[in-house]
Amino acid sequence: MKITLLAMLGLFLGVIGGAALGVGAGIAWVEIFKTSGFEGYSGMLVFFTFMPLGAAIGGLGGALLFAVIAMRDAQIAVERAPAQRRNS
C-alpha cells in the first residue's frame, strides 16, 4: 500500500514538474530556433508538443523513482528493539 501511494505521489509530482520543464524547454526551443509566431504557431508548438512530452516523461520518471525509494525502504528498514528496563 505504501509503495502504491508513493508511486502515485511521484506520478503526480512528476507530471507537474515535467510539464513545467517541458514548457521551459519549448520556450527555449522557440527562442533558439526562431520559430514563427504566425497565428500562434510557436505557442501551439510549446503547449501541444513540449508540455505533454515533458509531463509524460516526468510522470513516468517520478512514479518509478518514488516506487524504487519505497521498495528499498521496505527492504532495508531496520526497527530498533524496544529498550529493556533495568531493574536495579
C-alpha atoms as a PDB file:
ATOM      1  CA  MET A   1       0.000   0.000   0.000  1.00  0.00           C
ATOM      2  CA  LYS A   2       2.827   2.370   0.920  1.00  0.00           C
ATOM      3  CA  ILE A   3       4.622   1.666  -2.355  1.00  0.00           C
ATOM      4  CA  THR A   4       1.462   2.347  -4.366  1.00  0.00           C
ATOM      5  CA  LEU A   5       0.724   5.605  -2.575  1.00  0.00           C
ATOM      6  CA  LEU A   6       4.282   6.835  -3.000  1.00  0.00           C
ATOM      7  CA  ALA A   7       4.229   5.853  -6.682  1.00  0.00           C
ATOM      8  CA  MET A   8       1.004   7.842  -7.136  1.00  0.00           C
ATOM      9  CA  LEU A   9       2.553  10.821  -5.368  1.00  0.00           C
ATOM     10  CA  GLY A  10       5.607  10.509  -7.602  1.00  0.00           C
ATOM     11  CA  LEU A  11       3.383  10.347 -10.666  1.00  0.00           C
ATOM     12  CA  PHE A  12       1.507  13.497  -9.633  1.00  0.00           C
ATOM     13  CA  LEU A  13       4.623  15.477  -8.773  1.00  0.00           C
ATOM     14  CA  GLY A  14       6.437  14.188 -11.841  1.00  0.00           C
ATOM     15  CA  VAL A  15       3.642  15.261 -14.170  1.00  0.00           C
ATOM     16  CA  ILE A  16       3.566  18.766 -12.729  1.00  0.00           C
ATOM     17  CA  GLY A  17       7.349  19.130 -12.724  1.00  0.00           C
ATOM     18  CA  GLY A  18       7.741  17.567 -16.157  1.00  0.00           C
ATOM     19  CA  ALA A  19       5.087  19.821 -17.673  1.00  0.00           C
ATOM     20  CA  ALA A  20       6.803  22.889 -16.228  1.00  0.00           C
ATOM     21  CA  LEU A  21      10.172  21.740 -17.578  1.00  0.00           C
ATOM     22  CA  GLY A  22       8.543  20.944 -20.921  1.00  0.00           C
ATOM     23  CA  VAL A  23       7.142  24.459 -21.180  1.00  0.00           C
ATOM     24  CA  GLY A  24      10.573  25.865 -20.335  1.00  0.00           C
ATOM     25  CA  ALA A  25      12.248  23.661 -22.938  1.00  0.00           C
ATOM     26  CA  GLY A  26       9.616  24.622 -25.503  1.00  0.00           C
ATOM     27  CA  ILE A  27      10.093  28.326 -24.900  1.00  0.00           C
ATOM     28  CA  ALA A  28      13.850  27.860 -25.178  1.00  0.00           C
ATOM     29  CA  TRP A  29      13.360  25.943 -28.452  1.00  0.00           C
ATOM     30  CA  VAL A  30      11.189  28.723 -29.866  1.00  0.00           C
ATOM     31  CA  GLU A  31      13.745  31.375 -28.926  1.00  0.00           C
ATOM     32  CA  ILE A  32      16.836  29.474 -30.081  1.00  0.00           C
ATOM     33  CA  PHE A  33      15.458  28.272 -33.407  1.00  0.00           C
ATOM     34  CA  LYS A  34      13.390  31.432 -34.101  1.00  0.00           C
ATOM     35  CA  THR A  35      10.134  29.541 -34.628  1.00  0.00           C
ATOM     36  CA  SER A  36       7.479  31.548 -36.433  1.00  0.00           C
ATOM     37  CA  GLY A  37       4.796  33.118 -34.288  1.00  0.00           C
ATOM     38  CA  PHE A  38       2.357  33.357 -37.174  1.00  0.00           C
ATOM     39  CA  GLU A  39      -1.179  32.611 -35.932  1.00  0.00           C
ATOM     40  CA  GLY A  40       0.168  31.307 -32.629  1.00  0.00           C
ATOM     41  CA  TYR A  41       2.287  28.548 -34.134  1.00  0.00           C
ATOM     42  CA  SER A  42       5.043  28.887 -31.542  1.00  0.00           C
ATOM     43  CA  GLY A  43       2.543  28.751 -28.663  1.00  0.00           C
ATOM     44  CA  MET A  44       0.854  25.672 -30.086  1.00  0.00           C
ATOM     45  CA  LEU A  45       4.247  24.027 -30.516  1.00  0.00           C
ATOM     46  CA  VAL A  46       5.084  24.617 -26.868  1.00  0.00           C
ATOM     47  CA  PHE A  47       1.738  23.648 -25.348  1.00  0.00           C
ATOM     48  CA  PHE A  48       0.775  20.788 -27.659  1.00  0.00           C
ATOM     49  CA  THR A  49       4.210  19.194 -28.103  1.00  0.00           C
ATOM     50  CA  PHE A  50       6.708  20.050 -25.402  1.00  0.00           C
ATOM     51  CA  MET A  51       4.350  20.240 -22.411  1.00  0.00           C
ATOM     52  CA  PRO A  52       2.693  16.815 -22.947  1.00  0.00           C
ATOM     53  CA  LEU A  53       6.056  15.166 -23.659  1.00  0.00           C
ATOM     54  CA  GLY A  54       7.549  16.691 -20.512  1.00  0.00           C
ATOM     55  CA  ALA A  55       4.522  15.656 -18.457  1.00  0.00           C
ATOM     56  CA  ALA A  56       4.659  12.056 -19.715  1.00  0.00           C
ATOM     57  CA  ILE A  57       8.388  11.679 -19.149  1.00  0.00           C
ATOM     58  CA  GLY A  58       8.224  13.410 -15.766  1.00  0.00           C
ATOM     59  CA  GLY A  59       5.252  11.331 -14.637  1.00  0.00           C
ATOM     60  CA  LEU A  60       6.896   8.028 -15.501  1.00  0.00           C
ATOM     61  CA  GLY A  61      10.204   9.107 -14.002  1.00  0.00           C
ATOM     62  CA  GLY A  62       8.635  10.395 -10.797  1.00  0.00           C
ATOM     63  CA  ALA A  63       6.498   7.293 -10.310  1.00  0.00           C
ATOM     64  CA  LEU A  64       9.447   4.968 -10.883  1.00  0.00           C
ATOM     65  CA  LEU A  65      11.733   6.992  -8.640  1.00  0.00           C
ATOM     66  CA  PHE A  66       9.284   7.108  -5.729  1.00  0.00           C
ATOM     67  CA  ALA A  67       8.390   3.413  -6.159  1.00  0.00           C
ATOM     68  CA  VAL A  68      12.061   2.389  -6.081  1.00  0.00           C
ATOM     69  CA  ILE A  69      12.648   4.521  -2.993  1.00  0.00           C
ATOM     70  CA  ALA A  70       9.611   2.966  -1.277  1.00  0.00           C
ATOM     71  CA  MET A  71      10.690  -0.592  -2.169  1.00  0.00           C
ATOM     72  CA  ARG A  72      14.222  -0.025  -0.923  1.00  0.00           C
ATOM     73  CA  ASP A  73      12.890   1.453   2.296  1.00  0.00           C
ATOM     74  CA  ALA A  74      10.757  -1.650   2.822  1.00  0.00           C
ATOM     75  CA  GLN A  75      13.752  -3.941   2.222  1.00  0.00           C
ATOM     76  CA  ILE A  76      16.319  -2.218   4.420  1.00  0.00           C
ATOM     77  CA  ALA A  77      14.119  -0.756   7.113  1.00  0.00           C
ATOM     78  CA  VAL A  78      15.600  -1.642  10.457  1.00  0.00           C
ATOM     79  CA  GLU A  79      13.450  -1.392  13.528  1.00  0.00           C
ATOM     80  CA  ARG A  80      15.062  -0.968  16.851  1.00  0.00           C
ATOM     81  CA  ALA A  81      14.173  -3.396  19.551  1.00  0.00           C
ATOM     82  CA  PRO A  82      12.427  -1.761  22.481  1.00  0.00           C
ATOM     83  CA  ALA A  83      14.839  -0.697  25.170  1.00  0.00           C
ATOM     84  CA  GLN A  84      14.950  -3.086  28.108  1.00  0.00           C
ATOM     85  CA  ARG A  85      14.332  -1.705  31.549  1.00  0.00           C
ATOM     86  CA  ARG A  86      16.910  -2.207  34.206  1.00  0.00           C
ATOM     87  CA  ASN A  87      15.545  -3.389  37.497  1.00  0.00           C
ATOM     88  CA  SER A  88      18.123  -2.180  39.980  1.00  0.00           C
END
